[in-house]
């Protein structure tokens, strides 16, 4: 009887010791987990701050590109600033991105020339259309504002004009991450109010020197190429109007080459002075 009692007491002591050991180990593991979590929590902001500091330093130290051209507000020619080359023209594509804008952008890219693509909001209503715009922008082309629905601004109220302009800026910013720096009104028709909205939005107002692809006689590759290259309106600083159209897409390469053969180079829109 005494032997059984002694064995029973011995088991109680052993089990008690094991229980205390497990409890102590459990507490130690919890402490380790808490310590790891604390280190991770404290170290994450430090890494982020370092990365942000590096990024900010890179941005600060990046060389600033000074503008080489400006838009003449009277005739909308591009004019050189200082010693910039003056035998240049500006290429612009309106009503994008309809059906041919991406191919036109690729053509220009292959020719190593740049342009402004003036976009309409009604061509940016699907994920596919947004993807096209983003692709054009990522190829290095500037995106301009050509209003949401391409209406004559003189037929609209001030509130409607505001929506046509500002809502498109908001939409473009959502897609490519930046707001347009240039504005061209549909049909080239501006109002006093639209000019003020454009100024408030810090955009450069722009029309054009000449364009023909919306005229019936020039809706073919050959006719359009001939008139764009040989018109008497071609001059230094000319602001060329073209559209996202099948015949313009077909003629674009020959137009650029024809202008280059006449001694004109397409100015880089990224070098045009903007309102900032």
Protein backbone atom coordinates (compact mmCIF):
# COMPACT_ATOMS: atom_id res chain seq x y z
CA UNK A 1 0.00 0.00 0.00
CA UNK A 2 2.81 2.36 0.89
CA UNK A 3 4.60 1.46 -2.39
CA UNK A 4 1.51 2.40 -4.41
CA UNK A 5 1.25 5.70 -2.55
CA UNK A 6 4.88 6.49 -3.22
CA UNK A 7 4.50 5.70 -6.93
CA UNK A 8 1.39 7.87 -7.11
CA UNK A 9 3.20 10.81 -5.49
CA UNK A 10 6.16 10.32 -7.82
CA UNK A 11 3.91 10.46 -10.90
CA UNK A 12 2.26 13.65 -9.64
CA UNK A 13 5.68 15.31 -9.19
CA UNK A 14 6.84 14.21 -12.70
CA UNK A 15 3.66 15.37 -14.40
CA UNK A 16 3.80 18.68 -12.56
CA UNK A 17 7.38 19.21 -13.65
CA UNK A 18 6.52 18.37 -17.29
CA UNK A 19 3.59 20.74 -17.21
CA UNK A 20 5.75 23.57 -15.89
CA UNK A 21 8.37 22.84 -18.57
CA UNK A 22 5.83 22.93 -21.41
CA UNK A 23 4.28 26.09 -20.04
CA UNK A 24 7.71 27.73 -19.78
CA UNK A 25 8.61 26.63 -23.33
CA UNK A 26 5.29 27.93 -24.60
CA UNK A 27 5.87 31.29 -22.99
CA UNK A 28 9.37 31.45 -24.43
CA UNK A 29 8.04 30.68 -27.95
CA UNK A 30 5.43 33.40 -27.59
CA UNK A 31 8.14 35.85 -26.57
CA UNK A 32 10.21 34.87 -29.61
CA UNK A 33 7.23 35.39 -31.93
CA UNK A 34 6.53 38.77 -30.37
CA UNK A 35 10.16 39.79 -30.77
CA UNK A 36 10.21 38.75 -34.44
CA UNK A 37 6.99 40.65 -35.09
CA UNK A 38 8.37 43.73 -33.36
CA UNK A 39 11.59 43.67 -35.39
CA UNK A 40 9.67 43.25 -38.62
CA UNK A 41 7.29 46.03 -37.72
CA UNK A 42 10.08 48.41 -36.76
CA UNK A 43 12.33 47.58 -39.71
CA UNK A 44 9.72 47.91 -42.47
CA UNK A 45 9.33 51.71 -42.21
CA UNK A 46 13.11 52.11 -42.16
CA UNK A 47 13.48 50.22 -45.45
CA UNK A 48 10.62 52.20 -46.99
CA UNK A 49 12.13 55.51 -45.92
CA UNK A 50 15.50 54.54 -47.37
CA UNK A 51 13.91 53.53 -50.68
CA UNK A 52 11.89 56.74 -50.79
CA UNK A 53 15.00 58.79 -50.04
CA UNK A 54 16.88 57.10 -52.89
CA UNK A 55 13.99 57.65 -55.31
CA UNK A 56 13.64 61.30 -54.30
CA UNK A 57 17.39 61.81 -54.69
CA UNK A 58 17.30 60.30 -58.18
CA UNK A 59 14.40 62.55 -59.17
CA UNK A 60 16.08 65.62 -57.71
CA UNK A 61 19.37 64.87 -59.44
CA UNK A 62 17.74 64.05 -62.81
CA UNK A 63 18.73 66.61 -65.44
CA UNK A 64 15.95 69.03 -66.30
CA UNK A 65 15.06 69.22 -69.98
CA UNK A 66 14.70 72.84 -70.97
CA UNK A 67 12.06 73.69 -73.61
CA UNK A 68 13.36 74.40 -77.09
CA UNK A 69 10.10 75.57 -78.67
CA UNK A 70 6.96 77.49 -77.81
CA UNK A 71 3.52 77.82 -79.39
CA UNK A 72 2.72 81.17 -80.96
CA UNK A 73 -0.75 82.02 -79.56
CA UNK A 74 -1.70 84.02 -82.67
CA UNK A 75 -1.01 81.54 -85.47
CA UNK A 76 -0.21 78.38 -83.45
CA UNK A 77 3.14 77.84 -85.16
CA UNK A 78 5.95 76.37 -83.11
CA UNK A 79 8.79 78.82 -82.66
CA UNK A 80 12.35 78.01 -81.59
CA UNK A 81 13.68 79.26 -78.28
CA UNK A 82 17.27 80.42 -78.49
CA UNK A 83 19.39 78.45 -80.93
CA UNK A 84 16.97 75.54 -81.46
CA UNK A 85 16.63 74.41 -85.10
CA UNK A 86 13.94 76.40 -86.92
CA UNK A 87 13.36 74.18 -89.97
CA UNK A 88 10.82 72.09 -88.09
CA UNK A 89 7.14 71.20 -88.18
CA UNK A 90 4.79 69.76 -85.57
CA UNK A 91 2.85 66.55 -86.21
CA UNK A 92 -0.52 66.12 -84.51
CA UNK A 93 -3.15 63.38 -84.70
CA UNK A 94 -6.76 64.20 -83.74
CA UNK A 95 -9.75 61.97 -82.88
CA UNK A 96 -7.64 59.27 -81.25
CA UNK A 97 -7.62 56.49 -80.36
CA UNK A 98 -10.24 55.37 -82.88
CA UNK A 99 -9.16 52.51 -85.15
CA UNK A 100 -5.72 53.42 -86.44
CA UNK A 101 -3.99 55.46 -83.72
CA UNK A 102 -1.84 52.62 -82.39
CA UNK A 103 -0.60 51.67 -85.85
CA UNK A 104 0.10 55.34 -86.59
CA UNK A 105 2.09 55.59 -83.37
CA UNK A 106 4.14 52.53 -84.38
CA UNK A 107 4.80 54.06 -87.80
CA UNK A 108 6.05 57.28 -86.23
CA UNK A 109 8.13 55.34 -83.72
CA UNK A 110 9.79 53.37 -86.51
CA UNK A 111 10.55 56.65 -88.28
CA UNK A 112 12.00 58.04 -85.04
CA UNK A 113 9.67 61.04 -84.99
CA UNK A 114 7.21 62.22 -82.36
CA UNK A 115 3.72 63.74 -82.36
CA UNK A 116 0.83 64.80 -80.13
CA UNK A 117 -2.21 62.52 -80.09
CA UNK A 118 -5.32 64.57 -79.29
CA UNK A 119 -7.88 62.20 -77.82
CA UNK A 120 -11.65 62.10 -77.41
CA UNK A 121 -13.37 60.63 -74.38
CA UNK A 122 -15.85 58.62 -76.43
CA UNK A 123 -12.90 56.57 -77.71
CA UNK A 124 -11.86 55.72 -74.14
CA UNK A 125 -14.91 53.84 -72.88
CA UNK A 126 -13.60 50.26 -72.83
CA UNK A 127 -10.59 48.57 -71.22
CA UNK A 128 -9.27 47.80 -74.71
CA UNK A 129 -9.41 51.48 -75.73
CA UNK A 130 -7.75 52.50 -72.48
CA UNK A 131 -5.00 49.96 -73.15
CA UNK A 132 -4.39 51.46 -76.59
CA UNK A 133 -4.02 54.94 -75.13
CA UNK A 134 -1.66 53.68 -72.47
CA UNK A 135 0.44 51.91 -75.10
CA UNK A 136 0.69 55.08 -77.20
CA UNK A 137 1.74 57.08 -74.17
CA UNK A 138 4.32 54.50 -73.12
CA UNK A 139 5.84 54.73 -76.59
CA UNK A 140 6.74 58.33 -75.74
CA UNK A 141 3.91 60.28 -77.39
CA UNK A 142 2.20 63.18 -75.65
CA UNK A 143 -1.55 62.94 -75.11
CA UNK A 144 -3.60 66.08 -75.77
CA UNK A 145 -7.19 66.99 -74.87
CA UNK A 146 -9.74 67.06 -77.73
CA UNK A 147 -12.84 67.00 -75.44
CA UNK A 148 -15.05 64.16 -74.28
CA UNK A 149 -17.53 63.98 -77.16
CA UNK A 150 -16.13 66.26 -79.91
CA UNK A 151 -18.93 68.83 -79.87
CA UNK A 152 -18.74 72.42 -81.08
CA UNK A 153 -18.06 74.30 -77.85
CA UNK A 154 -19.98 77.35 -79.03
CA UNK A 155 -23.19 75.30 -78.92
CA UNK A 156 -22.70 74.31 -75.27
CA UNK A 157 -23.36 75.99 -71.95
CA UNK A 158 -20.46 76.89 -69.68
CA UNK A 159 -21.20 73.88 -67.51
CA UNK A 160 -21.20 71.56 -70.54
CA UNK A 161 -17.96 73.04 -71.84
CA UNK A 162 -16.36 72.50 -68.45
CA UNK A 163 -17.36 68.84 -68.44
CA UNK A 164 -16.15 68.32 -72.00
CA UNK A 165 -12.69 69.56 -71.06
CA UNK A 166 -12.11 68.70 -67.41
CA UNK A 167 -13.75 65.27 -67.39
CA UNK A 168 -11.46 64.21 -70.21
CA UNK A 169 -8.42 65.45 -68.30
CA UNK A 170 -9.57 63.39 -65.33
CA UNK A 171 -10.08 60.32 -67.51
CA UNK A 172 -6.70 60.63 -69.24
CA UNK A 173 -4.97 61.06 -65.89
CA UNK A 174 -6.68 57.94 -64.60
CA UNK A 175 -5.40 55.94 -67.58
CA UNK A 176 -1.84 57.20 -68.07
CA UNK A 177 -1.11 58.90 -64.76
CA UNK A 178 -0.80 62.47 -66.01
CA UNK A 179 -3.05 65.22 -67.29
CA UNK A 180 -2.84 66.58 -70.85
CA UNK A 181 -0.65 69.63 -71.39
CA UNK A 182 -2.18 70.68 -74.72
CA UNK A 183 -5.76 71.38 -75.80
CA UNK A 184 -7.33 71.51 -79.23
CA UNK A 185 -11.02 72.32 -79.57
CA UNK A 186 -13.19 70.32 -81.98
CA UNK A 187 -13.37 72.12 -85.34
CA UNK A 188 -10.90 74.64 -83.92
CA UNK A 189 -13.77 76.52 -82.28
CA UNK A 190 -13.07 78.05 -78.86
CA UNK A 191 -15.08 80.34 -76.61
CA UNK A 192 -13.98 82.85 -74.01
CA UNK A 193 -15.09 80.42 -71.32
CA UNK A 194 -13.30 77.40 -72.83
CA UNK A 195 -10.11 79.45 -73.07
CA UNK A 196 -10.39 80.23 -69.38
CA UNK A 197 -10.97 76.59 -68.47
CA UNK A 198 -7.97 75.59 -70.57
CA UNK A 199 -5.83 78.18 -68.79
CA UNK A 200 -7.09 77.04 -65.37
CA UNK A 201 -6.19 73.47 -66.32
CA UNK A 202 -2.69 74.68 -67.22
CA UNK A 203 -2.92 73.54 -70.84
CA UNK A 204 -1.49 75.21 -73.93
CA UNK A 205 -4.24 76.21 -76.37
CA UNK A 206 -3.58 74.94 -79.88
CA UNK A 207 -5.14 74.96 -83.35
CA UNK A 208 -3.26 74.23 -86.58
CA UNK A 209 -1.58 75.66 -89.67
CA UNK A 210 -3.09 73.27 -92.20
CA UNK A 211 -4.74 69.89 -92.62
CA UNK A 212 -6.61 68.13 -95.41
CA UNK A 213 -7.57 64.57 -94.48
CA UNK A 214 -11.13 65.55 -93.54
CA UNK A 215 -11.79 66.87 -97.06
CA UNK A 216 -13.39 64.54 -99.62
CA UNK A 217 -10.75 65.19 -102.29
CA UNK A 218 -7.94 63.99 -100.02
CA UNK A 219 -9.37 60.77 -98.61
CA UNK A 220 -6.76 58.58 -100.31
CA UNK A 221 -3.13 57.80 -99.58
CA UNK A 222 -1.77 59.38 -102.76
CA UNK A 223 -3.84 62.57 -102.72
CA UNK A 224 -3.23 63.22 -99.04
CA UNK A 225 0.53 62.63 -99.28
CA UNK A 226 0.82 65.00 -102.22
CA UNK A 227 -1.08 67.88 -100.60
CA UNK A 228 0.51 67.54 -97.15
CA UNK A 229 4.03 67.65 -98.56
CA UNK A 230 3.53 70.13 -101.42
CA UNK A 231 0.97 72.62 -100.12
CA UNK A 232 1.96 76.26 -100.25
CA UNK A 233 0.97 76.42 -96.57
CA UNK A 234 4.02 74.37 -95.58
CA UNK A 235 6.49 76.60 -93.77
CA UNK A 236 8.93 76.65 -90.86
CA UNK A 237 7.09 75.95 -87.63
CA UNK A 238 3.90 74.73 -89.33
CA UNK A 239 1.46 72.89 -87.09
CA UNK A 240 0.17 69.94 -89.13
CA UNK A 241 -3.32 68.58 -88.50
CA UNK A 242 -4.07 64.92 -89.21
CA UNK A 243 -6.69 62.48 -87.93
CA UNK A 244 -7.08 58.87 -86.92
CA UNK A 245 -8.33 57.80 -90.36
CA UNK A 246 -7.62 54.87 -92.66
CA UNK A 247 -6.19 56.96 -95.50
CA UNK A 248 -4.11 59.08 -93.13
CA UNK A 249 -2.70 55.94 -91.56
CA UNK A 250 -1.75 54.65 -95.02
CA UNK A 251 -0.15 57.96 -96.02
CA UNK A 252 1.63 58.79 -92.77
CA UNK A 253 5.02 57.26 -93.54
CA UNK A 254 5.19 58.86 -96.99
CA UNK A 255 4.14 62.22 -95.53
CA UNK A 256 6.92 62.18 -92.95
CA UNK A 257 9.53 61.04 -95.48
CA UNK A 258 8.33 63.63 -98.00
CA UNK A 259 8.63 66.42 -95.42
CA UNK A 260 12.11 65.23 -94.46
CA UNK A 261 13.14 65.23 -98.12
CA UNK A 262 12.14 68.89 -98.19
CA UNK A 263 14.40 69.61 -95.25
CA UNK A 264 11.82 69.61 -92.44
CA UNK A 265 12.15 67.70 -89.20
CA UNK A 266 9.33 66.83 -86.85
CA UNK A 267 9.83 68.67 -83.57
CA UNK A 268 9.62 66.66 -80.36
CA UNK A 269 6.47 67.85 -78.53
CA UNK A 270 8.20 67.03 -75.25
CA UNK A 271 10.47 70.02 -75.94
CA UNK A 272 7.60 72.50 -76.32
CA UNK A 273 7.13 74.99 -73.51
CA UNK A 274 4.10 74.19 -71.34
CA UNK A 275 2.26 75.93 -68.51
CA UNK A 276 3.49 74.67 -65.14
